[in-house]
Amino acid sequence: MAKKCECGCGEPAPIAPATHRPKGYVKGQPKRFVPGHNSRGKRGAASGGWKGGRVLKSHGYVVVHVGEDHPMATRGTRYVYEHRLVMAERIGRSLTSTEVVHHDNHVRDDNRIENLRLFPNESAHRTWHYTHG
């Protein structure tokens, strides 16, 4: 009987064509998983791609993994912008979706509380920029 994939899918595990010690393959023996199945269905820290839950996005902001039930998590994800999380912790409540957190020094990944300023809405934020440059 062929060995089954260890992810639980029930598919037969492929046979290793060559020995590869770092991966634990032995030529002629079944591998542990069908390719791509070793992290199937795993999320967050259980996933093989987990890098600690803090990610610098391409637009310069940092997002933090908080879980699916967090009230400030971006819809469809389990992440919150770090500057919004820092401000929420400072004021002791979740931020509303209309509140804007501004970086005083314009460095998007500098999320020290002394560098952050809270505005009630985008209009107030724009007005502040108009008067302060």
Protein backbone atom coordinates (compact mmCIF):
# COMPACT_ATOMS: atom_id res chain seq x y z
CA MET A 1 0.00 0.00 0.00
CA ALA A 2 1.34 3.45 -0.96
CA LYS A 3 2.10 5.94 1.80
CA LYS A 4 -0.45 8.77 2.05
CA CYS A 5 0.35 12.47 2.19
CA GLU A 6 0.77 13.57 5.83
CA CYS A 7 -1.44 16.65 5.37
CA GLY A 8 -4.47 14.38 5.59
CA CYS A 9 -5.69 14.82 2.01
CA GLY A 10 -5.44 11.07 1.32
CA GLU A 11 -3.43 11.45 -1.89
CA PRO A 12 -0.52 9.04 -2.38
CA ALA A 13 2.84 10.60 -1.52
CA PRO A 14 5.28 10.80 -4.45
CA ILE A 15 8.43 8.71 -4.52
CA ALA A 16 11.71 10.61 -4.10
CA PRO A 17 13.78 10.41 -7.31
CA ALA A 18 17.01 11.08 -5.39
CA THR A 19 18.33 11.30 -1.86
CA HIS A 20 18.22 14.82 -0.42
CA ARG A 21 19.34 14.81 3.20
CA PRO A 22 18.30 18.40 4.16
CA LYS A 23 14.72 17.62 3.12
CA GLY A 24 14.81 14.07 4.47
CA TYR A 25 14.25 12.39 1.09
CA VAL A 26 15.67 8.93 0.41
CA LYS A 27 15.79 7.72 -3.20
CA GLY A 28 12.98 5.27 -3.91
CA GLN A 29 11.12 6.04 -0.64
CA PRO A 30 7.88 8.05 -0.42
CA LYS A 31 8.10 11.72 0.50
CA ARG A 32 6.08 13.03 3.48
CA PHE A 33 3.85 15.36 1.45
CA VAL A 34 2.46 15.90 -2.02
CA PRO A 35 4.14 19.10 -3.31
CA GLY A 36 2.42 22.16 -1.81
CA HIS A 37 0.53 20.24 0.89
CA ASN A 38 2.88 20.69 3.85
CA SER A 39 1.20 23.97 4.87
CA ARG A 40 -2.27 23.42 3.41
CA GLY A 41 -4.95 25.02 5.56
CA LYS A 42 -2.47 26.43 8.06
CA ARG A 43 -2.62 30.11 8.89
CA GLY A 44 -0.59 32.50 10.98
CA ALA A 45 2.16 30.97 13.12
CA ALA A 46 1.24 27.43 11.97
CA SER A 47 2.02 28.30 8.34
CA GLY A 48 5.41 27.50 6.86
CA GLY A 49 5.61 31.06 5.51
CA TRP A 50 5.17 32.72 8.93
CA LYS A 51 7.70 35.49 9.57
CA GLY A 52 6.55 36.76 12.96
CA GLY A 53 3.35 38.62 12.14
CA ARG A 54 4.90 42.05 11.48
CA VAL A 55 5.17 43.01 7.80
CA LEU A 56 6.54 46.13 6.09
CA LYS A 57 4.22 46.75 3.14
CA SER A 58 5.43 48.15 -0.19
CA HIS A 59 3.81 51.56 0.53
CA GLY A 60 5.95 51.92 3.68
CA TYR A 61 3.42 51.16 6.42
CA VAL A 62 3.83 48.30 8.89
CA VAL A 63 0.96 45.86 9.45
CA VAL A 64 0.68 43.53 12.46
CA HIS A 65 -1.11 40.17 12.65
CA VAL A 66 -3.85 40.42 15.31
CA GLY A 67 -6.24 37.57 14.47
CA GLU A 68 -9.60 37.43 12.77
CA ASP A 69 -11.69 38.62 15.72
CA HIS A 70 -9.85 41.91 16.33
CA PRO A 71 -12.28 44.84 15.91
CA MET A 72 -9.73 46.90 13.97
CA ALA A 73 -8.56 44.16 11.57
CA THR A 74 -8.79 45.16 7.93
CA ARG A 75 -11.79 43.48 6.31
CA GLY A 76 -10.87 40.08 4.91
CA THR A 77 -7.49 39.96 6.66
CA ARG A 78 -6.16 39.43 10.14
CA TYR A 79 -3.92 42.50 10.10
CA VAL A 80 -4.02 46.04 11.51
CA TYR A 81 -1.79 48.96 10.58
CA GLU A 82 0.73 49.23 13.40
CA HIS A 83 0.37 53.02 13.82
CA ARG A 84 -3.38 52.60 14.34
CA LEU A 85 -2.79 49.82 16.87
CA VAL A 86 -0.23 51.93 18.80
CA MET A 87 -2.66 54.86 18.95
CA ALA A 88 -5.57 52.63 20.03
CA GLU A 89 -3.47 51.21 22.86
CA ARG A 90 -2.51 54.74 23.92
CA ILE A 91 -6.07 56.05 24.11
CA GLY A 92 -7.47 52.80 25.51
CA ARG A 93 -10.05 51.98 22.85
CA SER A 94 -10.35 50.83 19.25
CA LEU A 95 -10.20 53.52 16.60
CA THR A 96 -13.23 54.15 14.41
CA SER A 97 -12.86 53.64 10.68
CA THR A 98 -13.04 57.42 10.12
CA GLU A 99 -10.25 58.36 12.56
CA VAL A 100 -6.88 59.14 10.95
CA VAL A 101 -3.46 58.60 12.55
CA HIS A 102 -0.81 60.98 11.19
CA HIS A 103 2.99 60.51 11.33
CA ASP A 104 4.47 63.89 12.33
CA ASN A 105 7.86 63.19 10.73
CA HIS A 106 6.22 61.61 7.61
CA VAL A 107 8.20 58.37 8.13
CA ARG A 108 5.52 55.71 7.70
CA ASP A 109 7.24 52.98 9.69
CA ASP A 110 8.16 55.24 12.65
CA ASN A 111 5.34 54.23 14.96
CA ARG A 112 6.58 55.72 18.23
CA ILE A 113 3.65 57.29 20.07
CA GLU A 114 5.44 60.67 20.23
CA ASN A 115 5.48 60.69 16.41
CA LEU A 116 1.76 60.00 16.03
CA ARG A 117 -1.19 62.41 16.01
CA LEU A 118 -4.88 61.42 15.98
CA PHE A 119 -7.49 63.24 13.89
CA PRO A 120 -11.24 62.59 14.12
CA ASN A 121 -11.60 62.36 10.33
CA GLU A 122 -9.83 62.92 7.01
CA SER A 123 -11.17 66.49 6.76
CA ALA A 124 -9.47 67.52 10.01
CA HIS A 125 -6.29 65.79 8.85
CA ARG A 126 -6.27 67.69 5.54
CA THR A 127 -6.97 70.99 7.33
CA TRP A 128 -3.99 70.37 9.61
CA HIS A 129 -1.78 69.70 6.55
CA TYR A 130 -3.03 72.90 4.93
CA THR A 131 -2.06 74.99 7.95
CA HIS A 132 1.15 73.14 8.87
CA GLY A 133 2.54 72.19 5.47
